[in-house]
Amino acid sequence: MTTDQFNAADTSRIIEMAWEDRTPFEAIAASYGLSEAQVIALMRRQLKTSAFKRWRARVSGRVTKHQSKRPKDILRGYCSTQYKLRS
């Protein structure tokens, strides 16, 4: 799937997932079929240059962005407090 095939809502969600520290690239691949390289290309196109550079510096080498580098006891693709139900 190419990154041009997503609507605005999906593109926004992919960007959100890419910025999240504990959402691995594999979770984006499972949800949207994009490889890490495709996510990087999408971020480069969608973000301002300064924001893209901040994002790349943030995720480069970050253990939590790659499933294979994460501790084996973390099975979720997001922070445990990320999706709280509101009462």
N, C-alpha and C. Protein backbone atom coordinates (compact mmCIF):
# COMPACT_ATOMS: atom_id res chain seq x y z
N MET A 1 0.85 -1.18 0.00
CA MET A 1 0.00 0.00 0.00
C MET A 1 0.89 1.24 0.00
N THR A 2 0.52 2.22 -0.79
CA THR A 2 1.30 3.46 -0.81
C THR A 2 0.70 4.45 0.16
N THR A 3 1.52 5.40 0.58
CA THR A 3 1.07 6.37 1.57
C THR A 3 0.08 7.37 0.99
N ASP A 4 -0.05 7.44 -0.33
CA ASP A 4 -1.00 8.35 -0.96
C ASP A 4 -2.43 7.83 -0.90
N GLN A 5 -2.64 6.60 -0.51
CA GLN A 5 -3.96 5.99 -0.51
C GLN A 5 -4.74 6.21 0.77
N PHE A 6 -4.21 6.96 1.70
CA PHE A 6 -4.87 7.15 2.98
C PHE A 6 -5.65 8.45 2.99
N ASN A 7 -6.80 8.41 3.66
CA ASN A 7 -7.56 9.64 3.82
C ASN A 7 -6.93 10.47 4.94
N ALA A 8 -7.46 11.67 5.15
CA ALA A 8 -6.87 12.59 6.14
C ALA A 8 -6.90 12.00 7.54
N ALA A 9 -7.96 11.31 7.91
CA ALA A 9 -8.07 10.74 9.26
C ALA A 9 -7.02 9.64 9.46
N ASP A 10 -6.84 8.76 8.46
CA ASP A 10 -5.84 7.70 8.58
C ASP A 10 -4.43 8.28 8.62
N THR A 11 -4.16 9.27 7.77
CA THR A 11 -2.85 9.91 7.77
C THR A 11 -2.56 10.54 9.13
N SER A 12 -3.56 11.20 9.70
CA SER A 12 -3.40 11.81 11.02
C SER A 12 -3.10 10.75 12.07
N ARG A 13 -3.79 9.61 12.02
CA ARG A 13 -3.57 8.54 12.99
C ARG A 13 -2.18 7.92 12.83
N ILE A 14 -1.73 7.76 11.60
CA ILE A 14 -0.39 7.21 11.37
C ILE A 14 0.66 8.15 11.97
N ILE A 15 0.49 9.46 11.75
CA ILE A 15 1.42 10.44 12.31
C ILE A 15 1.38 10.39 13.83
N GLU A 16 0.20 10.29 14.39
CA GLU A 16 0.06 10.19 15.85
C GLU A 16 0.78 8.96 16.38
N MET A 17 0.57 7.82 15.72
CA MET A 17 1.23 6.58 16.16
C MET A 17 2.75 6.69 16.03
N ALA A 18 3.21 7.34 14.98
CA ALA A 18 4.65 7.49 14.78
C ALA A 18 5.27 8.36 15.87
N TRP A 19 4.55 9.36 16.36
CA TRP A 19 5.06 10.23 17.42
C TRP A 19 5.02 9.54 18.79
N GLU A 20 4.13 8.59 18.98
CA GLU A 20 4.00 7.92 20.28
C GLU A 20 5.25 7.10 20.57
N ASP A 21 5.83 7.30 21.72
CA ASP A 21 7.07 6.61 22.07
C ASP A 21 6.91 5.10 22.15
N ARG A 22 5.80 4.63 22.64
CA ARG A 22 5.65 3.20 22.89
C ARG A 22 4.89 2.46 21.79
N THR A 23 4.63 3.12 20.68
CA THR A 23 3.98 2.45 19.56
C THR A 23 5.06 2.05 18.56
N PRO A 24 5.34 0.74 18.43
CA PRO A 24 6.41 0.32 17.53
C PRO A 24 5.99 0.44 16.06
N PHE A 25 6.98 0.52 15.19
CA PHE A 25 6.70 0.58 13.76
C PHE A 25 5.92 -0.66 13.30
N GLU A 26 6.12 -1.77 13.98
CA GLU A 26 5.40 -2.99 13.62
C GLU A 26 3.89 -2.84 13.84
N ALA A 27 3.49 -2.05 14.84
CA ALA A 27 2.07 -1.81 15.08
C ALA A 27 1.47 -0.99 13.94
N ILE A 28 2.24 -0.04 13.43
CA ILE A 28 1.78 0.76 12.28
C ILE A 28 1.68 -0.15 11.06
N ALA A 29 2.66 -1.03 10.89
CA ALA A 29 2.63 -1.97 9.77
C ALA A 29 1.42 -2.89 9.85
N ALA A 30 1.11 -3.36 11.04
CA ALA A 30 -0.04 -4.26 11.22
C ALA A 30 -1.36 -3.53 10.96
N SER A 31 -1.44 -2.28 11.36
CA SER A 31 -2.68 -1.52 11.21
C SER A 31 -2.86 -0.94 9.82
N TYR A 32 -1.78 -0.49 9.21
CA TYR A 32 -1.88 0.26 7.95
C TYR A 32 -1.04 -0.30 6.80
N GLY A 33 -0.26 -1.34 7.07
CA GLY A 33 0.52 -1.97 6.01
C GLY A 33 1.72 -1.16 5.55
N LEU A 34 2.21 -0.25 6.39
CA LEU A 34 3.36 0.57 6.02
C LEU A 34 4.63 0.08 6.71
N SER A 35 5.69 -0.01 5.93
CA SER A 35 6.98 -0.36 6.51
C SER A 35 7.55 0.86 7.23
N GLU A 36 8.62 0.66 7.97
CA GLU A 36 9.26 1.78 8.66
C GLU A 36 9.70 2.84 7.66
N ALA A 37 10.27 2.41 6.54
CA ALA A 37 10.72 3.36 5.51
C ALA A 37 9.55 4.17 4.94
N GLN A 38 8.40 3.52 4.77
CA GLN A 38 7.22 4.22 4.27
C GLN A 38 6.69 5.22 5.30
N VAL A 39 6.75 4.87 6.57
CA VAL A 39 6.33 5.80 7.62
C VAL A 39 7.25 7.01 7.63
N ILE A 40 8.54 6.78 7.50
CA ILE A 40 9.50 7.88 7.45
C ILE A 40 9.21 8.78 6.25
N ALA A 41 8.93 8.20 5.10
CA ALA A 41 8.61 8.99 3.91
C ALA A 41 7.33 9.80 4.11
N LEU A 42 6.32 9.18 4.72
CA LEU A 42 5.07 9.89 5.00
C LEU A 42 5.32 11.06 5.95
N MET A 43 6.09 10.83 7.00
CA MET A 43 6.39 11.88 7.97
C MET A 43 7.17 13.01 7.29
N ARG A 44 8.09 12.67 6.42
CA ARG A 44 8.89 13.68 5.72
C ARG A 44 7.98 14.58 4.87
N ARG A 45 6.99 13.97 4.21
CA ARG A 45 6.06 14.74 3.36
C ARG A 45 5.06 15.56 4.16
N GLN A 46 4.58 15.01 5.28
CA GLN A 46 3.48 15.63 6.00
C GLN A 46 3.91 16.68 7.03
N LEU A 47 5.12 16.55 7.57
CA LEU A 47 5.57 17.46 8.62
C LEU A 47 6.43 18.57 8.05
N LYS A 48 6.49 19.68 8.77
CA LYS A 48 7.45 20.73 8.44
C LYS A 48 8.84 20.15 8.65
N THR A 49 9.81 20.71 7.98
CA THR A 49 11.18 20.20 8.06
C THR A 49 11.69 20.14 9.50
N SER A 50 11.45 21.18 10.27
CA SER A 50 11.93 21.20 11.66
C SER A 50 11.25 20.13 12.51
N ALA A 51 9.95 19.92 12.29
CA ALA A 51 9.22 18.89 13.03
C ALA A 51 9.71 17.50 12.63
N PHE A 52 9.96 17.30 11.35
CA PHE A 52 10.46 16.01 10.89
C PHE A 52 11.82 15.71 11.52
N LYS A 53 12.70 16.70 11.55
CA LYS A 53 14.03 16.50 12.15
C LYS A 53 13.92 16.18 13.63
N ARG A 54 13.00 16.84 14.34
CA ARG A 54 12.78 16.54 15.77
C ARG A 54 12.27 15.12 15.95
N TRP A 55 11.34 14.72 15.08
CA TRP A 55 10.78 13.37 15.17
C TRP A 55 11.85 12.32 14.90
N ARG A 56 12.65 12.52 13.85
CA ARG A 56 13.70 11.55 13.53
C ARG A 56 14.71 11.45 14.66
N ALA A 57 15.10 12.57 15.24
CA ALA A 57 16.04 12.54 16.36
C ALA A 57 15.42 11.79 17.55
N ARG A 58 14.12 11.94 17.73
CA ARG A 58 13.43 11.31 18.84
C ARG A 58 13.34 9.79 18.68
N VAL A 59 13.01 9.32 17.47
CA VAL A 59 12.78 7.88 17.28
C VAL A 59 14.04 7.11 16.89
N SER A 60 15.06 7.78 16.42
CA SER A 60 16.28 7.08 16.02
C SER A 60 16.92 6.41 17.22
N GLY A 61 17.05 5.11 17.13
CA GLY A 61 17.67 4.35 18.21
C GLY A 61 16.77 4.10 19.42
N ARG A 62 15.54 4.57 19.38
CA ARG A 62 14.63 4.38 20.51
C ARG A 62 14.19 2.92 20.55
N VAL A 63 14.48 2.25 21.63
CA VAL A 63 14.18 0.83 21.78
C VAL A 63 12.69 0.55 21.64
N THR A 64 11.86 1.42 22.15
CA THR A 64 10.42 1.15 22.15
C THR A 64 9.77 1.27 20.78
N LYS A 65 10.46 1.80 19.77
CA LYS A 65 9.89 1.94 18.44
C LYS A 65 10.10 0.69 17.59
N HIS A 66 10.81 -0.31 18.12
CA HIS A 66 11.06 -1.54 17.37
C HIS A 66 10.71 -2.73 18.25
N GLN A 67 9.77 -3.51 17.81
CA GLN A 67 9.28 -4.66 18.57
C GLN A 67 10.41 -5.60 18.97
N SER A 68 11.35 -5.85 18.06
CA SER A 68 12.42 -6.80 18.34
C SER A 68 13.40 -6.31 19.41
N LYS A 69 13.45 -5.00 19.65
CA LYS A 69 14.37 -4.44 20.64
C LYS A 69 13.71 -4.20 21.99
N ARG A 70 12.40 -4.40 22.07
CA ARG A 70 11.67 -4.14 23.31
C ARG A 70 11.84 -5.29 24.29
N PRO A 71 11.71 -5.03 25.56
CA PRO A 71 11.73 -6.12 26.54
C PRO A 71 10.59 -7.11 26.23
N LYS A 72 10.86 -8.37 26.40
CA LYS A 72 9.89 -9.42 26.04
C LYS A 72 8.60 -9.36 26.85
N ASP A 73 8.62 -8.72 28.04
CA ASP A 73 7.42 -8.68 28.87
C ASP A 73 6.44 -7.58 28.44
N ILE A 74 6.82 -6.74 27.48
CA ILE A 74 5.90 -5.71 26.98
C ILE A 74 5.26 -6.25 25.71
N LEU A 75 4.00 -6.58 25.79
CA LEU A 75 3.29 -7.19 24.67
C LEU A 75 2.37 -6.21 23.95
N ARG A 76 2.09 -5.06 24.56
CA ARG A 76 1.17 -4.11 23.95
C ARG A 76 1.93 -3.17 23.01
N GLY A 77 1.19 -2.50 22.12
CA GLY A 77 1.79 -1.58 21.19
C GLY A 77 1.61 -0.13 21.59
N TYR A 78 1.20 0.11 22.82
CA TYR A 78 0.97 1.47 23.28
C TYR A 78 1.13 1.51 24.79
N CYS A 79 1.22 2.69 25.33
CA CYS A 79 1.36 2.87 26.77
C CYS A 79 0.11 2.36 27.48
N SER A 80 0.27 1.71 28.60
CA SER A 80 -0.88 1.14 29.32
C SER A 80 -1.86 2.20 29.79
N THR A 81 -1.42 3.45 29.91
CA THR A 81 -2.32 4.51 30.36
C THR A 81 -2.86 5.36 29.21
N GLN A 82 -2.53 4.97 27.99
CA GLN A 82 -2.89 5.78 26.83
C GLN A 82 -4.39 5.79 26.56
N TYR A 83 -5.04 4.67 26.65
CA TYR A 83 -6.44 4.56 26.29
C TYR A 83 -7.30 4.32 27.52
N LYS A 84 -7.50 5.33 28.30
CA LYS A 84 -8.33 5.23 29.51
C LYS A 84 -9.77 5.53 29.17
N LEU A 85 -10.65 4.81 29.75
CA LEU A 85 -12.08 5.08 29.57
C LEU A 85 -12.48 6.24 30.47
N ARG A 86 -13.26 7.11 29.91
CA ARG A 86 -13.73 8.25 30.69
C ARG A 86 -15.08 7.90 31.33
N SER A 87 -15.24 8.34 32.56
CA SER A 87 -16.50 8.02 33.23
C SER A 87 -17.38 9.25 33.33
